Amino acid sequence: MELKKIINGNKATVELEGRIDAKIAPELEKELLALPAEIKALDLDFKNVSYISSAGLRVLVSVDHVFENRNGSLKIVGATDEVMEIFEITGFTEFFTIDNRD
């Protein structure tokens, strides 16, 4: 997995690429939680993510809680059909803001 952080004021966009699995999840969580506290809005760009495991889903829940405590928000953008299927099966579409417009 590769990631690229783009920070603009109090908003960050993190572009992800590859698979988010149990091996990568701890590194991803560390990187996302290391974002400055003044970041209130986090967009996770999933357009180049081919798979997310339960460990990756747990990271999303953990990071979402941190942003809720900051009175901020987390949004998933550009999820592939494969990743959207995982989000739908697990019910994540009910709890997360997911924007798949191009």
Protein backbone atom coordinates (compact mmCIF):
# COMPACT_ATOMS: atom_id res chain seq x y z
CA MET A 1 0.00 0.00 0.00
CA GLU A 2 1.14 3.50 -0.80
CA LEU A 3 -0.32 6.74 0.46
CA LYS A 4 -0.01 10.40 -0.37
CA LYS A 5 -1.12 13.12 2.05
CA ILE A 6 -2.38 16.47 0.82
CA ILE A 7 -3.07 19.04 3.54
CA ASN A 8 -4.92 22.26 2.81
CA GLY A 9 -5.75 24.29 5.90
CA ASN A 10 -7.84 22.16 8.24
CA LYS A 11 -8.59 19.53 5.57
CA ALA A 12 -6.50 16.56 4.55
CA THR A 13 -6.91 14.23 1.61
CA VAL A 14 -5.08 10.93 1.78
CA GLU A 15 -4.76 9.06 -1.50
CA LEU A 16 -4.40 5.33 -0.94
CA GLU A 17 -3.15 2.74 -3.39
CA GLY A 18 -3.04 -1.05 -3.26
CA ARG A 19 -4.49 -3.47 -0.73
CA ILE A 20 -5.38 -2.61 2.84
CA ASP A 21 -4.93 -5.87 4.72
CA ALA A 22 -3.80 -7.04 8.17
CA LYS A 23 -0.15 -6.49 7.28
CA ILE A 24 -0.69 -2.86 6.19
CA ALA A 25 -3.48 -1.78 8.57
CA PRO A 26 -1.25 -0.86 11.55
CA GLU A 27 0.96 1.35 9.34
CA LEU A 28 -2.11 3.03 7.83
CA GLU A 29 -3.59 3.71 11.25
CA LYS A 30 -0.30 5.17 12.47
CA GLU A 31 -0.07 7.47 9.44
CA LEU A 32 -3.67 8.68 9.72
CA LEU A 33 -3.51 9.27 13.47
CA ALA A 34 -0.28 11.24 12.97
CA LEU A 35 -2.17 13.93 11.03
CA PRO A 36 -2.04 17.27 12.88
CA ALA A 37 -4.80 17.82 15.45
CA GLU A 38 -6.01 20.92 13.60
CA ILE A 39 -7.17 18.71 10.71
CA LYS A 40 -10.97 18.56 11.02
CA ALA A 41 -11.93 17.02 7.68
CA LEU A 42 -10.30 13.90 6.30
CA ASP A 43 -11.05 12.54 2.84
CA LEU A 44 -9.73 9.06 2.14
CA ASP A 45 -9.36 8.57 -1.60
CA PHE A 46 -9.99 4.89 -2.37
CA LYS A 47 -9.96 5.06 -6.17
CA ASN A 48 -6.76 2.98 -6.32
CA VAL A 49 -7.58 0.55 -3.50
CA SER A 50 -8.33 -2.97 -4.72
CA TYR A 51 -9.18 -4.63 -1.38
CA ILE A 52 -9.80 -3.86 2.29
CA SER A 53 -9.76 -6.53 5.00
CA SER A 54 -11.47 -6.54 8.38
CA ALA A 55 -8.26 -5.10 9.86
CA GLY A 56 -8.49 -2.20 7.42
CA LEU A 57 -12.15 -1.69 8.30
CA ARG A 58 -11.18 -1.54 11.98
CA VAL A 59 -8.70 1.24 11.13
CA LEU A 60 -11.49 3.24 9.50
CA VAL A 61 -13.64 2.89 12.62
CA SER A 62 -10.75 3.91 14.88
CA VAL A 63 -9.80 6.95 12.79
CA ASP A 64 -13.46 7.97 12.46
CA HIS A 65 -13.78 8.02 16.26
CA VAL A 66 -10.75 10.27 16.54
CA PHE A 67 -12.22 12.71 14.02
CA GLU A 68 -15.61 12.65 15.74
CA ASN A 69 -13.84 13.60 18.99
CA ARG A 70 -12.25 16.52 17.13
CA ASN A 71 -15.71 17.57 15.93
CA GLY A 72 -14.46 16.70 12.49
CA SER A 73 -15.44 14.34 9.73
CA LEU A 74 -14.10 11.44 7.72
CA LYS A 75 -15.28 10.81 4.16
CA ILE A 76 -14.42 7.98 1.81
CA VAL A 77 -14.24 9.00 -1.84
CA GLY A 78 -13.87 7.09 -5.09
CA ALA A 79 -14.22 3.54 -3.74
CA THR A 80 -13.97 0.84 -6.40
CA ASP A 81 -16.84 -1.57 -7.00
CA GLU A 82 -14.91 -4.30 -5.16
CA VAL A 83 -14.36 -2.14 -2.09
CA MET A 84 -17.94 -0.82 -2.21
CA GLU A 85 -19.18 -4.40 -2.10
CA ILE A 86 -17.19 -4.96 1.09
CA PHE A 87 -18.57 -1.73 2.57
CA GLU A 88 -22.12 -2.81 1.69
CA ILE A 89 -21.76 -6.35 3.08
CA THR A 90 -20.33 -5.06 6.36
CA GLY A 91 -22.87 -2.24 6.71
CA PHE A 92 -20.25 0.49 6.47
CA THR A 93 -22.40 2.33 3.94
CA GLU A 94 -24.82 3.05 6.80
CA PHE A 95 -22.20 4.61 9.06
CA PHE A 96 -19.69 6.33 6.80
CA THR A 97 -20.00 9.13 4.29
CA ILE A 98 -19.05 7.59 0.97
CA ASP A 99 -18.86 9.72 -2.17
CA ASN A 100 -18.23 7.84 -5.38
CA ARG A 101 -18.83 10.63 -7.86
CA ASP A 102 -16.04 11.04 -10.39
